[in-house]
Amino acid sequence: MNAAFYREHERAYGYADDTEPTEAVALRLTAVGKIRQPRLRRLEQGSGDAGDAVKNERPVHFAECGGAVPCKVYDRYGLKSGDRIAGPAIVEEVDSTVVLHPDYQAEVDLHGNILIRETSV
């Protein structure tokens, strides 16, 4: 095995000293295998109004409104499947924030995705 290493070292760097010991410093492996398809988590069905997920309300500046307007702030972890939120609104979680502009609405799907669409279309 070392003979192949020294040949490759010679090719890559222009020299090799086959009296020096070799040491493996980093090894990499790529593997392919069959795994079970993960099961997507399904959220509990909500009432549709997302009222249980409201944390508070605070003013938020939107240029299209000409300044700050009152916005409900929702806890992402309190949202349920089928819940709808009308903008303007904020949805907060530990590592992300969704800003829902005026004239947009959001709906939570069966797996917790927040689907946003413009209401005037």
PDB file of N, CA and C in Angstrom:
ATOM      1  N   MET A   1       0.826  -1.192   0.000  1.00  0.00           N
ATOM      2  CA  MET A   1       0.000   0.000   0.000  1.00  0.00           C
ATOM      3  C   MET A   1       0.871   1.256   0.000  1.00  0.00           C
ATOM      4  N   ASN A   2       1.954   1.277   0.752  1.00  0.00           N
ATOM      5  CA  ASN A   2       2.799   2.470   0.800  1.00  0.00           C
ATOM      6  C   ASN A   2       3.436   2.779  -0.547  1.00  0.00           C
ATOM      7  N   ALA A   3       3.715   1.763  -1.341  1.00  0.00           N
ATOM      8  CA  ALA A   3       4.322   1.994  -2.662  1.00  0.00           C
ATOM      9  C   ALA A   3       3.412   2.869  -3.505  1.00  0.00           C
ATOM     10  N   ALA A   4       2.106   2.616  -3.480  1.00  0.00           N
ATOM     11  CA  ALA A   4       1.150   3.424  -4.244  1.00  0.00           C
ATOM     12  C   ALA A   4       1.126   4.859  -3.705  1.00  0.00           C
ATOM     13  N   PHE A   5       1.210   4.995  -2.382  1.00  0.00           N
ATOM     14  CA  PHE A   5       1.235   6.336  -1.782  1.00  0.00           C
ATOM     15  C   PHE A   5       2.448   7.122  -2.266  1.00  0.00           C
ATOM     16  N   TYR A   6       3.629   6.485  -2.241  1.00  0.00           N
ATOM     17  CA  TYR A   6       4.854   7.189  -2.652  1.00  0.00           C
ATOM     18  C   TYR A   6       4.818   7.558  -4.129  1.00  0.00           C
ATOM     19  N   ARG A   7       4.257   6.680  -4.963  1.00  0.00           N
ATOM     20  CA  ARG A   7       4.124   7.008  -6.397  1.00  0.00           C
ATOM     21  C   ARG A   7       3.225   8.230  -6.583  1.00  0.00           C
ATOM     22  N   GLU A   8       2.107   8.256  -5.863  1.00  0.00           N
ATOM     23  CA  GLU A   8       1.176   9.391  -5.991  1.00  0.00           C
ATOM     24  C   GLU A   8       1.808  10.663  -5.445  1.00  0.00           C
ATOM     25  N   HIS A   9       2.555  10.548  -4.355  1.00  0.00           N
ATOM     26  CA  HIS A   9       3.232  11.713  -3.779  1.00  0.00           C
ATOM     27  C   HIS A   9       4.256  12.268  -4.772  1.00  0.00           C
ATOM     28  N   GLU A  10       4.986  11.380  -5.402  1.00  0.00           N
ATOM     29  CA  GLU A  10       5.975  11.782  -6.424  1.00  0.00           C
ATOM     30  C   GLU A  10       5.277  12.501  -7.579  1.00  0.00           C
ATOM     31  N   ARG A  11       4.151  11.927  -8.017  1.00  0.00           N
ATOM     32  CA  ARG A  11       3.414  12.543  -9.120  1.00  0.00           C
ATOM     33  C   ARG A  11       2.878  13.923  -8.737  1.00  0.00           C
ATOM     34  N   ALA A  12       2.316  14.047  -7.552  1.00  0.00           N
ATOM     35  CA  ALA A  12       1.663  15.286  -7.129  1.00  0.00           C
ATOM     36  C   ALA A  12       2.661  16.374  -6.734  1.00  0.00           C
ATOM     37  N   TYR A  13       3.746  15.998  -6.045  1.00  0.00           N
ATOM     38  CA  TYR A  13       4.638  17.007  -5.467  1.00  0.00           C
ATOM     39  C   TYR A  13       6.058  17.010  -6.054  1.00  0.00           C
ATOM     40  N   GLY A  14       6.350  16.030  -6.927  1.00  0.00           N
ATOM     41  CA  GLY A  14       7.646  16.016  -7.580  1.00  0.00           C
ATOM     42  C   GLY A  14       8.740  15.328  -6.785  1.00  0.00           C
ATOM     43  N   TYR A  15       8.417  14.802  -5.624  1.00  0.00           N
ATOM     44  CA  TYR A  15       9.408  14.065  -4.833  1.00  0.00           C
ATOM     45  C   TYR A  15       8.677  13.101  -3.907  1.00  0.00           C
ATOM     46  N   ALA A  16       9.394  12.107  -3.437  1.00  0.00           N
ATOM     47  CA  ALA A  16       8.869  11.172  -2.440  1.00  0.00           C
ATOM     48  C   ALA A  16      10.064  10.511  -1.749  1.00  0.00           C
ATOM     49  N   ASP A  17       9.953  10.335  -0.437  1.00  0.00           N
ATOM     50  CA  ASP A  17      11.004   9.669   0.329  1.00  0.00           C
ATOM     51  C   ASP A  17      10.400   8.414   0.944  1.00  0.00           C
ATOM     52  N   ASP A  18      10.667   7.280   0.299  1.00  0.00           N
ATOM     53  CA  ASP A  18      10.034   6.045   0.757  1.00  0.00           C
ATOM     54  C   ASP A  18      10.641   5.487   2.050  1.00  0.00           C
ATOM     55  N   THR A  19      11.601   6.210   2.638  1.00  0.00           N
ATOM     56  CA  THR A  19      12.129   5.792   3.944  1.00  0.00           C
ATOM     57  C   THR A  19      11.366   6.457   5.094  1.00  0.00           C
ATOM     58  N   GLU A  20      10.576   7.471   4.758  1.00  0.00           N
ATOM     59  CA  GLU A  20       9.766   8.150   5.786  1.00  0.00           C
ATOM     60  C   GLU A  20       8.475   7.375   6.012  1.00  0.00           C
ATOM     61  N   PRO A  21       8.040   7.269   7.273  1.00  0.00           N
ATOM     62  CA  PRO A  21       6.770   6.577   7.527  1.00  0.00           C
ATOM     63  C   PRO A  21       5.592   7.420   7.026  1.00  0.00           C
ATOM     64  N   THR A  22       4.515   6.769   6.683  1.00  0.00           N
ATOM     65  CA  THR A  22       3.301   7.482   6.255  1.00  0.00           C
ATOM     66  C   THR A  22       2.320   7.517   7.415  1.00  0.00           C
ATOM     67  N   GLU A  23       1.501   8.548   7.414  1.00  0.00           N
ATOM     68  CA  GLU A  23       0.499   8.712   8.472  1.00  0.00           C
ATOM     69  C   GLU A  23      -0.793   9.184   7.830  1.00  0.00           C
ATOM     70  N   ALA A  24      -1.888   8.521   8.127  1.00  0.00           N
ATOM     71  CA  ALA A  24      -3.206   8.950   7.641  1.00  0.00           C
ATOM     72  C   ALA A  24      -3.713  10.036   8.582  1.00  0.00           C
ATOM     73  N   VAL A  25      -3.953  11.227   8.035  1.00  0.00           N
ATOM     74  CA  VAL A  25      -4.398  12.361   8.845  1.00  0.00           C
ATOM     75  C   VAL A  25      -5.903  12.567   8.697  1.00  0.00           C
ATOM     76  N   ALA A  26      -6.415  12.434   7.487  1.00  0.00           N
ATOM     77  CA  ALA A  26      -7.845  12.627   7.252  1.00  0.00           C
ATOM     78  C   ALA A  26      -8.319  11.561   6.272  1.00  0.00           C
ATOM     79  N   LEU A  27      -9.425  10.960   6.590  1.00  0.00           N
ATOM     80  CA  LEU A  27     -10.028   9.959   5.717  1.00  0.00           C
ATOM     81  C   LEU A  27     -11.432  10.423   5.375  1.00  0.00           C
ATOM     82  N   ARG A  28     -11.859  10.169   4.151  1.00  0.00           N
ATOM     83  CA  ARG A  28     -13.209  10.533   3.726  1.00  0.00           C
ATOM     84  C   ARG A  28     -13.884   9.304   3.165  1.00  0.00           C
ATOM     85  N   LEU A  29     -15.189   9.249   3.349  1.00  0.00           N
ATOM     86  CA  LEU A  29     -15.961   8.112   2.880  1.00  0.00           C
ATOM     87  C   LEU A  29     -17.258   8.621   2.285  1.00  0.00           C
ATOM     88  N   THR A  30     -17.607   8.105   1.156  1.00  0.00           N
ATOM     89  CA  THR A  30     -18.913   8.350   0.563  1.00  0.00           C
ATOM     90  C   THR A  30     -19.610   7.005   0.486  1.00  0.00           C
ATOM     91  N   ALA A  31     -20.832   6.950   0.983  1.00  0.00           N
ATOM     92  CA  ALA A  31     -21.559   5.685   0.997  1.00  0.00           C
ATOM     93  C   ALA A  31     -22.946   5.884   0.407  1.00  0.00           C
ATOM     94  N   VAL A  32     -23.438   4.867  -0.212  1.00  0.00           N
ATOM     95  CA  VAL A  32     -24.787   4.872  -0.773  1.00  0.00           C
ATOM     96  C   VAL A  32     -25.506   3.667  -0.189  1.00  0.00           C
ATOM     97  N   GLY A  33     -26.713   3.893   0.246  1.00  0.00           N
ATOM     98  CA  GLY A  33     -27.474   2.782   0.805  1.00  0.00           C
ATOM     99  C   GLY A  33     -28.957   3.064   0.763  1.00  0.00           C
ATOM    100  N   LYS A  34     -29.723   2.070   1.074  1.00  0.00           N
ATOM    101  CA  LYS A  34     -31.174   2.217   1.108  1.00  0.00           C
ATOM    102  C   LYS A  34     -31.600   2.537   2.540  1.00  0.00           C
ATOM    103  N   ILE A  35     -32.447   3.557   2.661  1.00  0.00           N
ATOM    104  CA  ILE A  35     -33.006   3.897   3.972  1.00  0.00           C
ATOM    105  C   ILE A  35     -34.516   4.000   3.830  1.00  0.00           C
ATOM    106  N   ARG A  36     -35.199   3.903   4.943  1.00  0.00           N
ATOM    107  CA  ARG A  36     -36.641   4.113   4.938  1.00  0.00           C
ATOM    108  C   ARG A  36     -36.932   5.568   4.639  1.00  0.00           C
ATOM    109  N   GLN A  37     -37.935   5.826   3.859  1.00  0.00           N
ATOM    110  CA  GLN A  37     -38.341   7.196   3.590  1.00  0.00           C
ATOM    111  C   GLN A  37     -38.867   7.801   4.894  1.00  0.00           C
ATOM    112  N   PRO A  38     -38.391   9.000   5.242  1.00  0.00           N
ATOM    113  CA  PRO A  38     -38.858   9.598   6.493  1.00  0.00           C
ATOM    114  C   PRO A  38     -40.350   9.922   6.436  1.00  0.00           C
ATOM    115  N   ARG A  39     -40.989   9.797   7.564  1.00  0.00           N
ATOM    116  CA  ARG A  39     -42.420  10.134   7.663  1.00  0.00           C
ATOM    117  C   ARG A  39     -42.528  11.590   8.088  1.00  0.00           C
ATOM    118  N   LEU A  40     -43.244  12.366   7.318  1.00  0.00           N
ATOM    119  CA  LEU A  40     -43.435  13.772   7.649  1.00  0.00           C
ATOM    120  C   LEU A  40     -44.402  13.896   8.821  1.00  0.00           C
ATOM    121  N   ARG A  41     -44.048  14.772   9.727  1.00  0.00           N
ATOM    122  CA  ARG A  41     -44.893  15.035  10.893  1.00  0.00           C
ATOM    123  C   ARG A  41     -46.164  15.747  10.422  1.00  0.00           C
ATOM    124  N   ARG A  42     -47.281  15.339  10.946  1.00  0.00           N
ATOM    125  CA  ARG A  42     -48.559  15.983  10.612  1.00  0.00           C
ATOM    126  C   ARG A  42     -49.029  16.792  11.816  1.00  0.00           C
ATOM    127  N   LEU A  43     -49.420  18.025  11.526  1.00  0.00           N
ATOM    128  CA  LEU A  43     -49.913  18.889  12.599  1.00  0.00           C
ATOM    129  C   LEU A  43     -51.358  18.569  12.944  1.00  0.00           C
ATOM    130  N   GLU A  44     -51.684  18.880  14.171  1.00  0.00           N
ATOM    131  CA  GLU A  44     -53.062  18.789  14.619  1.00  0.00           C
ATOM    132  C   GLU A  44     -53.903  19.788  13.826  1.00  0.00           C
ATOM    133  N   GLN A  45     -55.150  19.426  13.535  1.00  0.00           N
ATOM    134  CA  GLN A  45     -56.046  20.311  12.793  1.00  0.00           C
ATOM    135  C   GLN A  45     -56.443  21.488  13.672  1.00  0.00           C
ATOM    136  N   GLY A  46     -56.328  22.694  13.133  1.00  0.00           N
ATOM    137  CA  GLY A  46     -56.693  23.895  13.873  1.00  0.00           C
ATOM    138  C   GLY A  46     -58.100  24.353  13.552  1.00  0.00           C
ATOM    139  N   SER A  47     -58.504  25.426  14.212  1.00  0.00           N
ATOM    140  CA  SER A  47     -59.844  25.978  14.007  1.00  0.00           C
ATOM    141  C   SER A  47     -59.903  26.873  12.780  1.00  0.00           C
ATOM    142  N   GLY A  48     -58.741  27.269  12.284  1.00  0.00           N
ATOM    143  CA  GLY A  48     -58.700  28.116  11.099  1.00  0.00           C
ATOM    144  C   GLY A  48     -58.345  29.555  11.383  1.00  0.00           C
ATOM    145  N   ASP A  49     -58.500  30.013  12.633  1.00  0.00           N
ATOM    146  CA  ASP A  49     -58.249  31.430  12.901  1.00  0.00           C
ATOM    147  C   ASP A  49     -56.899  31.705  13.559  1.00  0.00           C
ATOM    148  N   ALA A  50     -56.157  30.698  13.960  1.00  0.00           N
ATOM    149  CA  ALA A  50     -54.825  30.824  14.568  1.00  0.00           C
ATOM    150  C   ALA A  50     -54.818  31.647  15.851  1.00  0.00           C
ATOM    151  N   GLY A  51     -55.961  31.867  16.439  1.00  0.00           N
ATOM    152  CA  GLY A  51     -56.069  32.688  17.645  1.00  0.00           C
ATOM    153  C   GLY A  51     -55.271  32.168  18.825  1.00  0.00           C
ATOM    154  N   ASP A  52     -55.148  30.840  18.935  1.00  0.00           N
ATOM    155  CA  ASP A  52     -54.390  30.264  20.048  1.00  0.00           C
ATOM    156  C   ASP A  52     -52.902  30.548  19.955  1.00  0.00           C
ATOM    157  N   ALA A  53     -52.413  30.928  18.763  1.00  0.00           N
ATOM    158  CA  ALA A  53     -50.982  31.151  18.560  1.00  0.00           C
ATOM    159  C   ALA A  53     -50.580  32.617  18.718  1.00  0.00           C
ATOM    160  N   VAL A  54     -51.543  33.518  18.978  1.00  0.00           N
ATOM    161  CA  VAL A  54     -51.217  34.944  19.119  1.00  0.00           C
ATOM    162  C   VAL A  54     -50.457  35.171  20.416  1.00  0.00           C
ATOM    163  N   LYS A  55     -49.256  35.774  20.297  1.00  0.00           N
ATOM    164  CA  LYS A  55     -48.430  36.083  21.462  1.00  0.00           C
ATOM    165  C   LYS A  55     -48.714  37.476  21.990  1.00  0.00           C
ATOM    166  N   ASN A  56     -48.767  38.422  21.070  1.00  0.00           N
ATOM    167  CA  ASN A  56     -49.009  39.817  21.437  1.00  0.00           C
ATOM    168  C   ASN A  56     -49.288  40.614  20.180  1.00  0.00           C
ATOM    169  N   GLU A  57     -49.318  41.918  20.342  1.00  0.00           N
ATOM    170  CA  GLU A  57     -49.496  42.825  19.207  1.00  0.00           C
ATOM    171  C   GLU A  57     -48.513  43.969  19.386  1.00  0.00           C
ATOM    172  N   ARG A  58     -47.924  44.434  18.273  1.00  0.00           N
ATOM    173  CA  ARG A  58     -46.994  45.557  18.350  1.00  0.00           C
ATOM    174  C   ARG A  58     -46.996  46.306  17.023  1.00  0.00           C
ATOM    175  N   PRO A  59     -46.587  47.576  17.048  1.00  0.00           N
ATOM    176  CA  PRO A  59     -46.535  48.341  15.800  1.00  0.00           C
ATOM    177  C   PRO A  59     -45.352  47.900  14.942  1.00  0.00           C
ATOM    178  N   VAL A  60     -45.600  47.755  13.641  1.00  0.00           N
ATOM    179  CA  VAL A  60     -44.560  47.377  12.679  1.00  0.00           C
ATOM    180  C   VAL A  60     -44.660  48.335  11.496  1.00  0.00           C
ATOM    181  N   HIS A  61     -43.514  48.815  11.031  1.00  0.00           N
ATOM    182  CA  HIS A  61     -43.471  49.771   9.920  1.00  0.00           C
ATOM    183  C   HIS A  61     -43.563  49.034   8.579  1.00  0.00           C
ATOM    184  N   PHE A  62     -44.528  49.445   7.767  1.00  0.00           N
ATOM    185  CA  PHE A  62     -44.657  48.959   6.395  1.00  0.00           C
ATOM    186  C   PHE A  62     -44.742  50.180   5.492  1.00  0.00           C
ATOM    187  N   ALA A  63     -43.840  50.275   4.525  1.00  0.00           N
ATOM    188  CA  ALA A  63     -43.811  51.423   3.617  1.00  0.00           C
ATOM    189  C   ALA A  63     -45.138  51.574   2.889  1.00  0.00           C
ATOM    190  N   GLU A  64     -45.744  50.447   2.505  1.00  0.00           N
ATOM    191  CA  GLU A  64     -47.003  50.527   1.751  1.00  0.00           C
ATOM    192  C   GLU A  64     -48.163  51.063   2.586  1.00  0.00           C
ATOM    193  N   CYS A  65     -47.989  51.113   3.906  1.00  0.00           N
ATOM    194  CA  CYS A  65     -49.007  51.680   4.796  1.00  0.00           C
ATOM    195  C   CYS A  65     -48.650  53.102   5.213  1.00  0.00           C
ATOM    196  N   GLY A  66     -47.471  53.557   4.809  1.00  0.00           N
ATOM    197  CA  GLY A  66     -47.042  54.906   5.162  1.00  0.00           C
ATOM    198  C   GLY A  66     -46.552  55.034   6.589  1.00  0.00           C
ATOM    199  N   GLY A  67     -46.217  53.932   7.223  1.00  0.00           N
ATOM    200  CA  GLY A  67     -45.706  53.997   8.598  1.00  0.00           C
ATOM    201  C   GLY A  67     -46.043  52.743   9.371  1.00  0.00           C
ATOM    202  N   ALA A  68     -46.028  52.893  10.689  1.00  0.00           N
ATOM    203  CA  ALA A  68     -46.271  51.750  11.569  1.00  0.00           C
ATOM    204  C   ALA A  68     -47.757  51.469  11.697  1.00  0.00           C
ATOM    205  N   VAL A  69     -48.088  50.190  11.685  1.00  0.00           N
ATOM    206  CA  VAL A  69     -49.471  49.742  11.884  1.00  0.00           C
ATOM    207  C   VAL A  69     -49.454  48.626  12.927  1.00  0.00           C
ATOM    208  N   PRO A  70     -50.561  48.443  13.653  1.00  0.00           N
ATOM    209  CA  PRO A  70     -50.600  47.368  14.639  1.00  0.00           C
ATOM    210  C   PRO A  70     -50.559  46.001  13.955  1.00  0.00           C
ATOM    211  N   CYS A  71     -49.718  45.109  14.475  1.00  0.00           N
ATOM    212  CA  CYS A  71     -49.577  43.753  13.912  1.00  0.00           C
ATOM    213  C   CYS A  71     -49.705  42.727  15.023  1.00  0.00           C
ATOM    214  N   LYS A  72     -50.472  41.686  14.747  1.00  0.00           N
ATOM    215  CA  LYS A  72     -50.488  40.542  15.653  1.00  0.00           C
ATOM    216  C   LYS A  72     -49.182  39.786  15.454  1.00  0.00           C
ATOM    217  N   VAL A  73     -48.649  39.272  16.560  1.00  0.00           N
ATOM    218  CA  VAL A  73     -47.428  38.469  16.533  1.00  0.00           C
ATOM    219  C   VAL A  73     -47.817  37.054  16.946  1.00  0.00           C
ATOM    220  N   TYR A  74     -47.491  36.089  16.068  1.00  0.00           N
ATOM    221  CA  TYR A  74     -47.871  34.697  16.280  1.00  0.00           C
ATOM    222  C   TYR A  74     -46.663  33.854  16.672  1.00  0.00           C
ATOM    223  N   ASP A  75     -46.899  32.863  17.514  1.00  0.00           N
ATOM    224  CA  ASP A  75     -45.890  31.875  17.873  1.00  0.00           C
ATOM    225  C   ASP A  75     -45.997  30.736  16.863  1.00  0.00           C
ATOM    226  N   ARG A  76     -44.965  30.540  16.061  1.00  0.00           N
ATOM    227  CA  ARG A  76     -44.982  29.516  15.003  1.00  0.00           C
ATOM    228  C   ARG A  76     -45.333  28.143  15.558  1.00  0.00           C
ATOM    229  N   TYR A  77     -44.848  27.850  16.768  1.00  0.00           N
ATOM    230  CA  TYR A  77     -45.059  26.528  17.350  1.00  0.00           C
ATOM    231  C   TYR A  77     -46.498  26.319  17.827  1.00  0.00           C
ATOM    232  N   GLY A  78     -47.272  27.398  17.887  1.00  0.00           N
ATOM    233  CA  GLY A  78     -48.671  27.281  18.285  1.00  0.00           C
ATOM    234  C   GLY A  78     -49.619  27.150  17.108  1.00  0.00           C
ATOM    235  N   LEU A  79     -49.100  27.269  15.887  1.00  0.00           N
ATOM    236  CA  LEU A  79     -49.946  27.172  14.699  1.00  0.00           C
ATOM    237  C   LEU A  79     -50.322  25.721  14.427  1.00  0.00           C
ATOM    238  N   LYS A  80     -51.535  25.548  13.896  1.00  0.00           N
ATOM    239  CA  LYS A  80     -52.035  24.217  13.578  1.00  0.00           C
ATOM    240  C   LYS A  80     -52.429  24.156  12.111  1.00  0.00           C
ATOM    241  N   SER A  81     -52.584  22.955  11.611  1.00  0.00           N
ATOM    242  CA  SER A  81     -52.980  22.747  10.221  1.00  0.00           C
ATOM    243  C   SER A  81     -54.314  23.447   9.937  1.00  0.00           C
ATOM    244  N   GLY A  82     -54.358  24.193   8.835  1.00  0.00           N
ATOM    245  CA  GLY A  82     -55.587  24.890   8.448  1.00  0.00           C
ATOM    246  C   GLY A  82     -55.718  26.280   9.024  1.00  0.00           C
ATOM    247  N   ASP A  83     -54.830  26.673   9.943  1.00  0.00           N
ATOM    248  CA  ASP A  83     -54.889  28.026  10.501  1.00  0.00           C
ATOM    249  C   ASP A  83     -54.575  29.038   9.408  1.00  0.00           C
ATOM    250  N   ARG A  84     -55.317  30.150   9.425  1.00  0.00           N
ATOM    251  CA  ARG A  84     -55.109  31.239   8.467  1.00  0.00           C
ATOM    252  C   ARG A  84     -54.745  32.513   9.206  1.00  0.00           C
ATOM    253  N   ILE A  85     -53.846  33.279   8.604  1.00  0.00           N
ATOM    254  CA  ILE A  85     -53.402  34.540   9.197  1.00  0.00           C
ATOM    255  C   ILE A  85     -53.500  35.602   8.122  1.00  0.00           C
ATOM    256  N   ALA A  86     -54.152  36.724   8.448  1.00  0.00           N
ATOM    257  CA  ALA A  86     -54.255  37.850   7.522  1.00  0.00           C
ATOM    258  C   ALA A  86     -53.178  38.865   7.863  1.00  0.00           C
ATOM    259  N   GLY A  87     -52.514  39.372   6.824  1.00  0.00           N
ATOM    260  CA  GLY A  87     -51.502  40.399   7.030  1.00  0.00           C
ATOM    261  C   GLY A  87     -52.126  41.749   7.252  1.00  0.00           C
ATOM    262  N   PRO A  88     -51.426  42.664   7.872  1.00  0.00           N
ATOM    263  CA  PRO A  88     -50.049  42.522   8.310  1.00  0.00           C
ATOM    264  C   PRO A  88     -49.953  41.703   9.605  1.00  0.00           C
ATOM    265  N   ALA A  89     -48.902  40.881   9.665  1.00  0.00           N
ATOM    266  CA  ALA A  89     -48.686  40.036  10.837  1.00  0.00           C
ATOM    267  C   ALA A  89     -47.226  39.579  10.855  1.00  0.00           C
ATOM    268  N   ILE A  90     -46.808  39.090  12.015  1.00  0.00           N
ATOM    269  CA  ILE A  90     -45.467  38.552  12.201  1.00  0.00           C
ATOM    270  C   ILE A  90     -45.621  37.155  12.790  1.00  0.00           C
ATOM    271  N   VAL A  91     -44.843  36.188  12.264  1.00  0.00           N
ATOM    272  CA  VAL A  91     -44.811  34.832  12.826  1.00  0.00           C
ATOM    273  C   VAL A  91     -43.383  34.594  13.299  1.00  0.00           C
ATOM    274  N   GLU A  92     -43.233  34.354  14.591  1.00  0.00           N
ATOM    275  CA  GLU A  92     -41.895  34.187  15.177  1.00  0.00           C
ATOM    276  C   GLU A  92     -41.665  32.750  15.615  1.00  0.00           C
ATOM    277  N   GLU A  93     -40.412  32.322  15.451  1.00  0.00           N
ATOM    278  CA  GLU A  93     -39.935  31.064  16.030  1.00  0.00           C
ATOM    279  C   GLU A  93     -38.498  31.281  16.447  1.00  0.00           C
ATOM    280  N   VAL A  94     -37.865  30.275  17.013  1.00  0.00           N
ATOM    281  CA  VAL A  94     -36.530  30.441  17.576  1.00  0.00           C
ATOM    282  C   VAL A  94     -35.527  30.956  16.550  1.00  0.00           C
ATOM    283  N   ASP A  95     -35.517  30.395  15.349  1.00  0.00           N
ATOM    284  CA  ASP A  95     -34.474  30.720  14.382  1.00  0.00           C
ATOM    285  C   ASP A  95     -34.982  31.351  13.092  1.00  0.00           C
ATOM    286  N   SER A  96     -36.213  31.844  13.096  1.00  0.00           N
ATOM    287  CA  SER A  96     -36.759  32.426  11.869  1.00  0.00           C
ATOM    288  C   SER A  96     -37.929  33.344  12.205  1.00  0.00           C
ATOM    289  N   THR A  97     -38.164  34.304  11.314  1.00  0.00           N
ATOM    290  CA  THR A  97     -39.308  35.202  11.443  1.00  0.00           C
ATOM    291  C   THR A  97     -39.957  35.342  10.070  1.00  0.00           C
ATOM    292  N   VAL A  98     -41.276  35.211  10.022  1.00  0.00           N
ATOM    293  CA  VAL A  98     -42.025  35.422   8.787  1.00  0.00           C
ATOM    294  C   VAL A  98     -42.744  36.756   8.919  1.00  0.00           C
ATOM    295  N   VAL A  99     -42.502  37.643   7.951  1.00  0.00           N
ATOM    296  CA  VAL A  99     -43.181  38.933   7.914  1.00  0.00           C
ATOM    297  C   VAL A  99     -44.266  38.838   6.856  1.00  0.00           C
ATOM    298  N   LEU A 100     -45.488  39.016   7.278  1.00  0.00           N
ATOM    299  CA  LEU A 100     -46.630  38.945   6.373  1.00  0.00           C
ATOM    300  C   LEU A 100     -47.115  40.373   6.110  1.00  0.00           C
ATOM    301  N   HIS A 101     -46.880  40.843   4.907  1.00  0.00           N
ATOM    302  CA  HIS A 101     -47.231  42.218   4.543  1.00  0.00           C
ATOM    303  C   HIS A 101     -48.741  42.386   4.426  1.00  0.00           C
ATOM    304  N   PRO A 102     -49.211  43.641   4.476  1.00  0.00           N
ATOM    305  CA  PRO A 102     -50.626  43.902   4.234  1.00  0.00           C
ATOM    306  C   PRO A 102     -51.007  43.362   2.846  1.00  0.00           C
ATOM    307  N   ASP A 103     -52.237  43.006   2.675  1.00  0.00           N
ATOM    308  CA  ASP A 103     -52.757  42.445   1.420  1.00  0.00           C
ATOM    309  C   ASP A 103     -52.205  41.059   1.111  1.00  0.00           C
ATOM    310  N   TYR A 104     -51.637  40.382   2.122  1.00  0.00           N
ATOM    311  CA  TYR A 104     -51.211  38.996   1.967  1.00  0.00           C
ATOM    312  C   TYR A 104     -51.851  38.174   3.069  1.00  0.00           C
ATOM    313  N   GLN A 105     -52.004  36.904   2.811  1.00  0.00           N
ATOM    314  CA  GLN A 105     -52.487  36.013   3.861  1.00  0.00           C
ATOM    315  C   GLN A 105     -51.681  34.727   3.827  1.00  0.00           C
ATOM    316  N   ALA A 106     -51.684  34.055   4.952  1.00  0.00           N
ATOM    317  CA  ALA A 106     -50.933  32.808   5.082  1.00  0.00           C
ATOM    318  C   ALA A 106     -51.873  31.713   5.555  1.00  0.00           C
ATOM    319  N   GLU A 107     -51.563  30.499   5.129  1.00  0.00           N
ATOM    320  CA  GLU A 107     -52.294  29.335   5.612  1.00  0.00           C
ATOM    321  C   GLU A 107     -51.269  28.253   5.943  1.00  0.00           C
ATOM    322  N   VAL A 108     -51.503  27.570   7.050  1.00  0.00           N
ATOM    323  CA  VAL A 108     -50.603  26.506   7.493  1.00  0.00           C
ATOM    324  C   VAL A 108     -51.116  25.190   6.918  1.00  0.00           C
ATOM    325  N   ASP A 109     -50.218  24.457   6.228  1.00  0.00           N
ATOM    326  CA  ASP A 109     -50.646  23.188   5.643  1.00  0.00           C
ATOM    327  C   ASP A 109     -50.507  22.046   6.654  1.00  0.00           C
ATOM    328  N   LEU A 110     -50.811  20.851   6.200  1.00  0.00           N
ATOM    329  CA  LEU A 110     -50.839  19.666   7.051  1.00  0.00           C
ATOM    330  C   LEU A 110     -49.501  19.378   7.723  1.00  0.00           C
ATOM    331  N   HIS A 111     -48.393  19.795   7.083  1.00  0.00           N
ATOM    332  CA  HIS A 111     -47.062  19.502   7.609  1.00  0.00           C
ATOM    333  C   HIS A 111     -46.396  20.704   8.276  1.00  0.00           C
ATOM    334  N   GLY A 112     -47.123  21.804   8.436  1.00  0.00           N
ATOM    335  CA  GLY A 112     -46.578  22.964   9.133  1.00  0.00           C
ATOM    336  C   GLY A 112     -45.953  24.010   8.242  1.00  0.00           C
ATOM    337  N   ASN A 113     -45.984  23.807   6.927  1.00  0.00           N
ATOM    338  CA  ASN A 113     -45.477  24.832   6.011  1.00  0.00           C
ATOM    339  C   ASN A 113     -46.417  26.025   6.025  1.00  0.00           C
ATOM    340  N   ILE A 114     -45.842  27.224   5.929  1.00  0.00           N
ATOM    341  CA  ILE A 114     -46.661  28.436   5.860  1.00  0.00           C
ATOM    342  C   ILE A 114     -46.730  28.849   4.401  1.00  0.00           C
ATOM    343  N   LEU A 115     -47.919  28.771   3.831  1.00  0.00           N
ATOM    344  CA  LEU A 115     -48.142  29.122   2.430  1.00  0.00           C
ATOM    345  C   LEU A 115     -48.673  30.551   2.368  1.00  0.00           C
ATOM    346  N   ILE A 116     -47.982  31.412   1.655  1.00  0.00           N
ATOM    347  CA  ILE A 116     -48.333  32.839   1.614  1.00  0.00           C
ATOM    348  C   ILE A 116     -48.827  33.187   0.213  1.00  0.00           C
ATOM    349  N   ARG A 117     -49.912  33.947   0.162  1.00  0.00           N
ATOM    350  CA  ARG A 117     -50.402  34.410  -1.140  1.00  0.00           C
ATOM    351  C   ARG A 117     -50.972  35.824  -0.995  1.00  0.00           C
ATOM    352  N   GLU A 118     -50.969  36.519  -2.092  1.00  0.00           N
ATOM    353  CA  GLU A 118     -51.512  37.875  -2.130  1.00  0.00           C
ATOM    354  C   GLU A 118     -53.035  37.773  -2.140  1.00  0.00           C
ATOM    355  N   THR A 119     -53.698  38.590  -1.342  1.00  0.00           N
ATOM    356  CA  THR A 119     -55.165  38.513  -1.250  1.00  0.00           C
ATOM    357  C   THR A 119     -55.850  39.275  -2.369  1.00  0.00           C
ATOM    358  N   SER A 120     -55.176  40.230  -2.995  1.00  0.00           N
ATOM    359  CA  SER A 120     -55.822  41.046  -4.027  1.00  0.00           C
ATOM    360  C   SER A 120     -55.790  40.370  -5.394  1.00  0.00           C
ATOM    361  N   VAL A 121     -55.207  39.175  -5.489  1.00  0.00           N
ATOM    362  CA  VAL A 121     -55.137  38.490  -6.801  1.00  0.00           C
ATOM    363  C   VAL A 121     -56.328  37.596  -6.974  1.00  0.00           C
TER     364      VAL A 121
END
